[in-house]
């Protein structure tokens, strides 16, 4: 039984909250920020944005964290989302790699985490632009 919200607005709110969390992490820690956690939040921004878009298009999102699969489904509704593919392919790795401990810890440089945040912002902005939302999406 699925308990996820069927409201696309809820998914976009969660995406924005994940973005705020990534921004806060990168802003707060001057030395040795937990970049794995920031990158994970960036993946979540993209995932929730794409799932929100599918709900906006009256499609129930799959039970998947694979951003490429989600993007492919979104592109079936709007081919202009193809411009996100390169960023989605980068962000896709931050689900498993950044979420779970590895035998050899993966440490992302702060610059990479900042780039991931910019890619996540781009995904959220593009999806909101397509659905006509020009809300207050600021990126610090």
Protein backbone atom coordinates (compact mmCIF):
# COMPACT_ATOMS: atom_id res chain seq x y z
CA UNK A 1 0.00 0.00 0.00
CA UNK A 2 1.42 3.35 -1.06
CA UNK A 3 1.21 6.18 1.41
CA UNK A 4 2.97 8.85 -0.68
CA UNK A 5 0.98 11.99 -1.38
CA UNK A 6 -0.78 12.19 -4.70
CA UNK A 7 -0.56 15.99 -4.63
CA UNK A 8 2.11 17.34 -6.93
CA UNK A 9 2.30 20.48 -4.79
CA UNK A 10 3.42 18.32 -1.84
CA UNK A 11 6.22 16.83 -3.94
CA UNK A 12 7.45 20.25 -5.06
CA UNK A 13 7.40 21.48 -1.47
CA UNK A 14 9.52 18.49 -0.41
CA UNK A 15 11.89 19.16 -3.32
CA UNK A 16 12.31 22.76 -2.17
CA UNK A 17 12.90 21.58 1.40
CA UNK A 18 15.61 19.18 0.23
CA UNK A 19 17.20 22.07 -1.66
CA UNK A 20 17.11 24.22 1.47
CA UNK A 21 18.79 21.41 3.42
CA UNK A 22 21.58 21.04 0.84
CA UNK A 23 22.12 24.80 0.81
CA UNK A 24 22.21 24.95 4.61
CA UNK A 25 24.79 22.18 4.83
CA UNK A 26 27.05 23.80 2.26
CA UNK A 27 26.70 27.23 3.84
CA UNK A 28 27.07 26.19 7.49
CA UNK A 29 30.22 24.10 7.37
CA UNK A 30 33.33 26.07 6.47
CA UNK A 31 35.58 23.01 6.77
CA UNK A 32 34.79 19.41 5.96
CA UNK A 33 31.08 19.71 5.25
CA UNK A 34 29.16 16.44 4.99
CA UNK A 35 29.12 16.67 1.21
CA UNK A 36 27.72 13.16 0.86
CA UNK A 37 24.59 14.30 2.68
CA UNK A 38 24.36 17.50 0.64
CA UNK A 39 24.68 15.48 -2.59
CA UNK A 40 22.01 13.04 -1.40
CA UNK A 41 19.65 15.98 -0.83
CA UNK A 42 20.42 17.17 -4.37
CA UNK A 43 19.38 13.78 -5.72
CA UNK A 44 16.19 14.07 -3.72
CA UNK A 45 15.45 17.52 -5.19
CA UNK A 46 15.58 16.02 -8.67
CA UNK A 47 13.64 12.89 -7.73
CA UNK A 48 10.81 14.77 -6.05
CA UNK A 49 10.69 17.35 -8.85
CA UNK A 50 10.32 14.64 -11.50
CA UNK A 51 7.78 12.67 -9.46
CA UNK A 52 5.84 15.88 -8.82
CA UNK A 53 5.82 16.57 -12.55
CA UNK A 54 4.46 13.09 -13.28
CA UNK A 55 1.68 13.65 -10.76
CA UNK A 56 0.99 17.04 -12.36
CA UNK A 57 0.51 15.11 -15.61
CA UNK A 58 -1.86 12.68 -13.85
CA UNK A 59 0.65 9.82 -13.95
CA UNK A 60 1.40 7.87 -10.79
CA UNK A 61 5.19 7.89 -10.41
CA UNK A 62 6.94 4.54 -10.25
CA UNK A 63 8.31 3.27 -6.96
CA UNK A 64 11.84 4.06 -8.09
CA UNK A 65 14.74 6.33 -7.19
CA UNK A 66 16.33 6.04 -10.65
CA UNK A 67 16.35 9.58 -12.00
CA UNK A 68 16.97 8.41 -15.56
CA UNK A 69 13.85 6.22 -15.48
CA UNK A 70 11.84 9.11 -14.04
CA UNK A 71 13.17 11.56 -16.62
CA UNK A 72 12.33 9.16 -19.46
CA UNK A 73 8.75 8.99 -18.21
CA UNK A 74 8.57 12.78 -17.94
CA UNK A 75 9.91 13.19 -21.48
CA UNK A 76 6.94 11.18 -22.75
CA UNK A 77 4.82 14.16 -21.61
CA UNK A 78 7.21 16.94 -22.68
CA UNK A 79 10.24 16.36 -24.87
CA UNK A 80 11.83 19.67 -23.81
CA UNK A 81 12.82 17.98 -20.55
CA UNK A 82 15.52 16.16 -22.52
CA UNK A 83 17.79 19.15 -21.76
CA UNK A 84 18.01 17.84 -18.19
CA UNK A 85 19.54 14.49 -19.14
CA UNK A 86 23.19 15.36 -18.52
CA UNK A 87 22.46 16.85 -15.09
CA UNK A 88 20.15 13.95 -14.22
CA UNK A 89 22.87 11.45 -15.10
CA UNK A 90 25.24 13.22 -12.69
CA UNK A 91 22.71 13.50 -9.87
CA UNK A 92 21.58 9.88 -10.27
CA UNK A 93 24.75 8.54 -8.65
CA UNK A 94 24.10 10.35 -5.39
CA UNK A 95 21.29 8.07 -4.28
CA UNK A 96 23.13 4.86 -3.41
CA UNK A 97 26.69 6.23 -3.25
CA UNK A 98 25.80 9.07 -0.91
CA UNK A 99 23.08 7.41 1.15
CA UNK A 100 24.73 4.23 2.36
CA UNK A 101 28.17 3.67 3.87
CA UNK A 102 30.72 2.09 1.56
CA UNK A 103 33.71 -0.12 2.36
CA UNK A 104 35.84 2.70 1.00
CA UNK A 105 34.21 5.99 2.01
CA UNK A 106 33.29 8.29 -0.84
CA UNK A 107 34.18 11.88 -0.13
CA UNK A 108 32.94 14.48 -2.56
CA UNK A 109 34.87 17.74 -2.79
CA UNK A 110 32.82 20.76 -1.72
CA UNK A 111 33.03 22.09 -5.28
CA UNK A 112 31.35 18.92 -6.55
CA UNK A 113 28.59 19.25 -3.97
CA UNK A 114 28.05 22.88 -4.99
CA UNK A 115 27.82 21.80 -8.63
CA UNK A 116 25.31 19.11 -7.65
CA UNK A 117 23.24 21.77 -5.91
CA UNK A 118 23.25 23.93 -9.05
CA UNK A 119 22.17 20.94 -11.14
CA UNK A 120 19.35 20.22 -8.68
CA UNK A 121 18.23 23.84 -8.85
CA UNK A 122 18.22 23.59 -12.65
CA UNK A 123 16.00 20.50 -12.58
CA UNK A 124 13.51 22.04 -10.18
CA UNK A 125 13.42 25.32 -12.11
CA UNK A 126 12.88 23.61 -15.47
CA UNK A 127 10.06 21.42 -14.20
CA UNK A 128 8.37 24.34 -12.48
CA UNK A 129 8.79 26.47 -15.60
CA UNK A 130 7.09 23.83 -17.74
CA UNK A 131 4.16 23.52 -15.38
CA UNK A 132 3.83 27.30 -15.30
CA UNK A 133 4.99 27.93 -11.73
CA UNK A 134 7.22 30.94 -11.48
CA UNK A 135 7.19 30.84 -7.70
CA UNK A 136 9.89 32.10 -5.41
CA UNK A 137 12.72 29.66 -6.00
CA UNK A 138 15.84 31.26 -4.73
CA UNK A 139 19.19 29.61 -4.54
CA UNK A 140 21.78 30.90 -2.13
